Amino acid sequence: MDIARARAIAEVADKVIDSARVEIEFLEATNADTGTGFIATQPALPEGFSVSKVHRLKG
């Protein structure tokens, strides 16, 4: 991956993190239970279900 592409990906990631930070600050400032909807939330899994992922490096 070239440097320009890696830098662009990092900049987008920074914006997503900044957006999440603002969403959290909004929740805290308004004592709200739900966000603005800008960042989608996932419904909770039914009882008895869990999510786990295993990532393995090849090499």
N, C-alpha and C. Protein backbone atom coordinates (compact mmCIF):
# COMPACT_ATOMS: atom_id res chain seq x y z
N MET A 1 0.86 -1.17 0.00
CA MET A 1 0.00 0.00 0.00
C MET A 1 0.90 1.23 0.00
N ASP A 2 0.57 2.17 -0.86
CA ASP A 2 1.41 3.36 -0.93
C ASP A 2 1.07 4.32 0.22
N ILE A 3 1.97 5.23 0.47
CA ILE A 3 1.86 6.16 1.60
C ILE A 3 0.61 7.04 1.49
N ALA A 4 0.29 7.53 0.31
CA ALA A 4 -0.87 8.42 0.15
C ALA A 4 -2.17 7.70 0.50
N ARG A 5 -2.28 6.46 0.08
CA ARG A 5 -3.50 5.70 0.39
C ARG A 5 -3.60 5.41 1.89
N ALA A 6 -2.48 5.01 2.50
CA ALA A 6 -2.47 4.76 3.94
C ALA A 6 -2.84 6.01 4.71
N ARG A 7 -2.33 7.15 4.27
CA ARG A 7 -2.63 8.42 4.94
C ARG A 7 -4.12 8.77 4.80
N ALA A 8 -4.69 8.52 3.63
CA ALA A 8 -6.12 8.79 3.41
C ALA A 8 -6.99 7.90 4.30
N ILE A 9 -6.63 6.64 4.42
CA ILE A 9 -7.38 5.72 5.28
C ILE A 9 -7.29 6.18 6.74
N ALA A 10 -6.11 6.59 7.16
CA ALA A 10 -5.94 7.06 8.54
C ALA A 10 -6.76 8.32 8.80
N GLU A 11 -6.84 9.21 7.83
CA GLU A 11 -7.64 10.43 7.98
C GLU A 11 -9.13 10.12 8.10
N VAL A 12 -9.61 9.18 7.31
CA VAL A 12 -11.02 8.79 7.41
C VAL A 12 -11.29 8.16 8.78
N ALA A 13 -10.38 7.31 9.23
CA ALA A 13 -10.53 6.69 10.55
C ALA A 13 -10.58 7.76 11.64
N ASP A 14 -9.74 8.78 11.54
CA ASP A 14 -9.76 9.88 12.52
C ASP A 14 -11.12 10.58 12.53
N LYS A 15 -11.71 10.80 11.36
CA LYS A 15 -13.02 11.47 11.29
C LYS A 15 -14.11 10.60 11.92
N VAL A 16 -14.05 9.30 11.70
CA VAL A 16 -15.04 8.40 12.31
C VAL A 16 -14.91 8.44 13.83
N ILE A 17 -13.68 8.40 14.33
CA ILE A 17 -13.45 8.47 15.77
C ILE A 17 -13.94 9.80 16.33
N ASP A 18 -13.65 10.90 15.62
CA ASP A 18 -14.12 12.22 16.07
C ASP A 18 -15.65 12.26 16.11
N SER A 19 -16.31 11.66 15.12
CA SER A 19 -17.77 11.62 15.09
C SER A 19 -18.33 10.85 16.27
N ALA A 20 -17.71 9.74 16.58
CA ALA A 20 -18.15 8.94 17.73
C ALA A 20 -17.95 9.72 19.02
N ARG A 21 -16.87 10.45 19.12
CA ARG A 21 -16.59 11.26 20.31
C ARG A 21 -17.67 12.34 20.49
N VAL A 22 -18.05 12.98 19.41
CA VAL A 22 -19.09 14.02 19.47
C VAL A 22 -20.43 13.39 19.86
N GLU A 23 -20.73 12.21 19.32
CA GLU A 23 -21.97 11.51 19.66
C GLU A 23 -22.02 11.21 21.16
N ILE A 24 -20.91 10.76 21.72
CA ILE A 24 -20.85 10.46 23.16
C ILE A 24 -21.01 11.74 23.98
N GLU A 25 -20.36 12.81 23.56
CA GLU A 25 -20.50 14.08 24.27
C GLU A 25 -21.95 14.57 24.24
N PHE A 26 -22.63 14.37 23.12
CA PHE A 26 -24.05 14.74 23.01
C PHE A 26 -24.88 13.95 24.01
N LEU A 27 -24.64 12.63 24.08
CA LEU A 27 -25.39 11.79 25.02
C LEU A 27 -25.17 12.25 26.45
N GLU A 28 -23.92 12.56 26.78
CA GLU A 28 -23.62 13.02 28.14
C GLU A 28 -24.25 14.38 28.43
N ALA A 29 -24.20 15.29 27.47
CA ALA A 29 -24.71 16.64 27.68
C ALA A 29 -26.23 16.68 27.81
N THR A 30 -26.91 15.77 27.12
CA THR A 30 -28.37 15.79 27.12
C THR A 30 -28.98 14.71 28.02
N ASN A 31 -28.13 13.91 28.65
CA ASN A 31 -28.60 12.78 29.46
C ASN A 31 -29.55 11.88 28.68
N ALA A 32 -29.26 11.73 27.40
CA ALA A 32 -30.11 10.93 26.52
C ALA A 32 -29.74 9.45 26.60
N ASP A 33 -30.72 8.59 26.31
CA ASP A 33 -30.48 7.16 26.28
C ASP A 33 -30.09 6.68 24.89
N THR A 34 -30.47 7.44 23.87
CA THR A 34 -30.15 7.07 22.50
C THR A 34 -29.45 8.22 21.82
N GLY A 35 -28.67 7.89 20.81
CA GLY A 35 -27.92 8.90 20.09
C GLY A 35 -28.77 9.64 19.09
N THR A 36 -28.09 10.37 18.23
CA THR A 36 -28.77 11.18 17.22
C THR A 36 -29.21 10.35 16.02
N GLY A 37 -28.67 9.16 15.90
CA GLY A 37 -28.95 8.32 14.74
C GLY A 37 -27.89 8.46 13.67
N PHE A 38 -26.98 9.40 13.84
CA PHE A 38 -25.91 9.58 12.86
C PHE A 38 -25.02 8.33 12.81
N ILE A 39 -24.73 7.78 13.98
CA ILE A 39 -23.99 6.52 14.06
C ILE A 39 -25.00 5.45 14.42
N ALA A 40 -25.19 4.51 13.51
CA ALA A 40 -26.19 3.46 13.71
C ALA A 40 -25.80 2.55 14.87
N THR A 41 -26.80 2.08 15.58
CA THR A 41 -26.56 1.13 16.66
C THR A 41 -27.07 -0.24 16.23
N GLN A 42 -26.45 -1.26 16.75
CA GLN A 42 -26.88 -2.62 16.45
C GLN A 42 -27.81 -3.10 17.54
N PRO A 43 -28.86 -3.82 17.18
CA PRO A 43 -29.74 -4.37 18.21
C PRO A 43 -28.98 -5.41 19.03
N ALA A 44 -29.38 -5.56 20.26
CA ALA A 44 -28.75 -6.54 21.14
C ALA A 44 -29.06 -7.94 20.64
N LEU A 45 -28.14 -8.84 20.87
CA LEU A 45 -28.36 -10.23 20.51
C LEU A 45 -29.33 -10.88 21.48
N PRO A 46 -30.12 -11.83 21.02
CA PRO A 46 -31.01 -12.55 21.93
C PRO A 46 -30.21 -13.27 23.01
N GLU A 47 -30.82 -13.49 24.12
CA GLU A 47 -30.15 -14.16 25.23
C GLU A 47 -29.63 -15.52 24.78
N GLY A 48 -28.43 -15.87 25.19
CA GLY A 48 -27.84 -17.15 24.83
C GLY A 48 -26.93 -17.09 23.62
N PHE A 49 -26.93 -15.96 22.90
CA PHE A 49 -26.07 -15.82 21.73
C PHE A 49 -24.89 -14.92 22.08
N SER A 50 -23.76 -15.22 21.49
CA SER A 50 -22.60 -14.36 21.69
C SER A 50 -21.85 -14.26 20.37
N VAL A 51 -21.03 -13.26 20.29
CA VAL A 51 -20.23 -13.04 19.09
C VAL A 51 -18.77 -13.18 19.48
N SER A 52 -18.06 -13.99 18.76
CA SER A 52 -16.62 -14.08 18.97
C SER A 52 -15.96 -14.31 17.62
N LYS A 53 -14.85 -13.67 17.43
CA LYS A 53 -14.10 -13.82 16.19
C LYS A 53 -12.66 -14.14 16.55
N VAL A 54 -12.08 -15.03 15.79
CA VAL A 54 -10.68 -15.37 15.96
C VAL A 54 -9.95 -14.93 14.71
N HIS A 55 -8.94 -14.12 14.90
CA HIS A 55 -8.14 -13.65 13.77
C HIS A 55 -6.78 -14.31 13.86
N ARG A 56 -6.37 -14.95 12.77
CA ARG A 56 -5.08 -15.62 12.75
C ARG A 56 -4.23 -15.03 11.64
N LEU A 57 -2.97 -14.81 11.94
CA LEU A 57 -2.03 -14.31 10.95
C LEU A 57 -1.40 -15.49 10.23
N LYS A 58 -1.33 -15.40 8.93
CA LYS A 58 -0.65 -16.43 8.17
C LYS A 58 0.81 -16.06 8.06
N GLY A 59 1.63 -17.06 8.06
CA GLY A 59 3.02 -16.72 7.89
C GLY A 59 3.90 -17.70 8.39
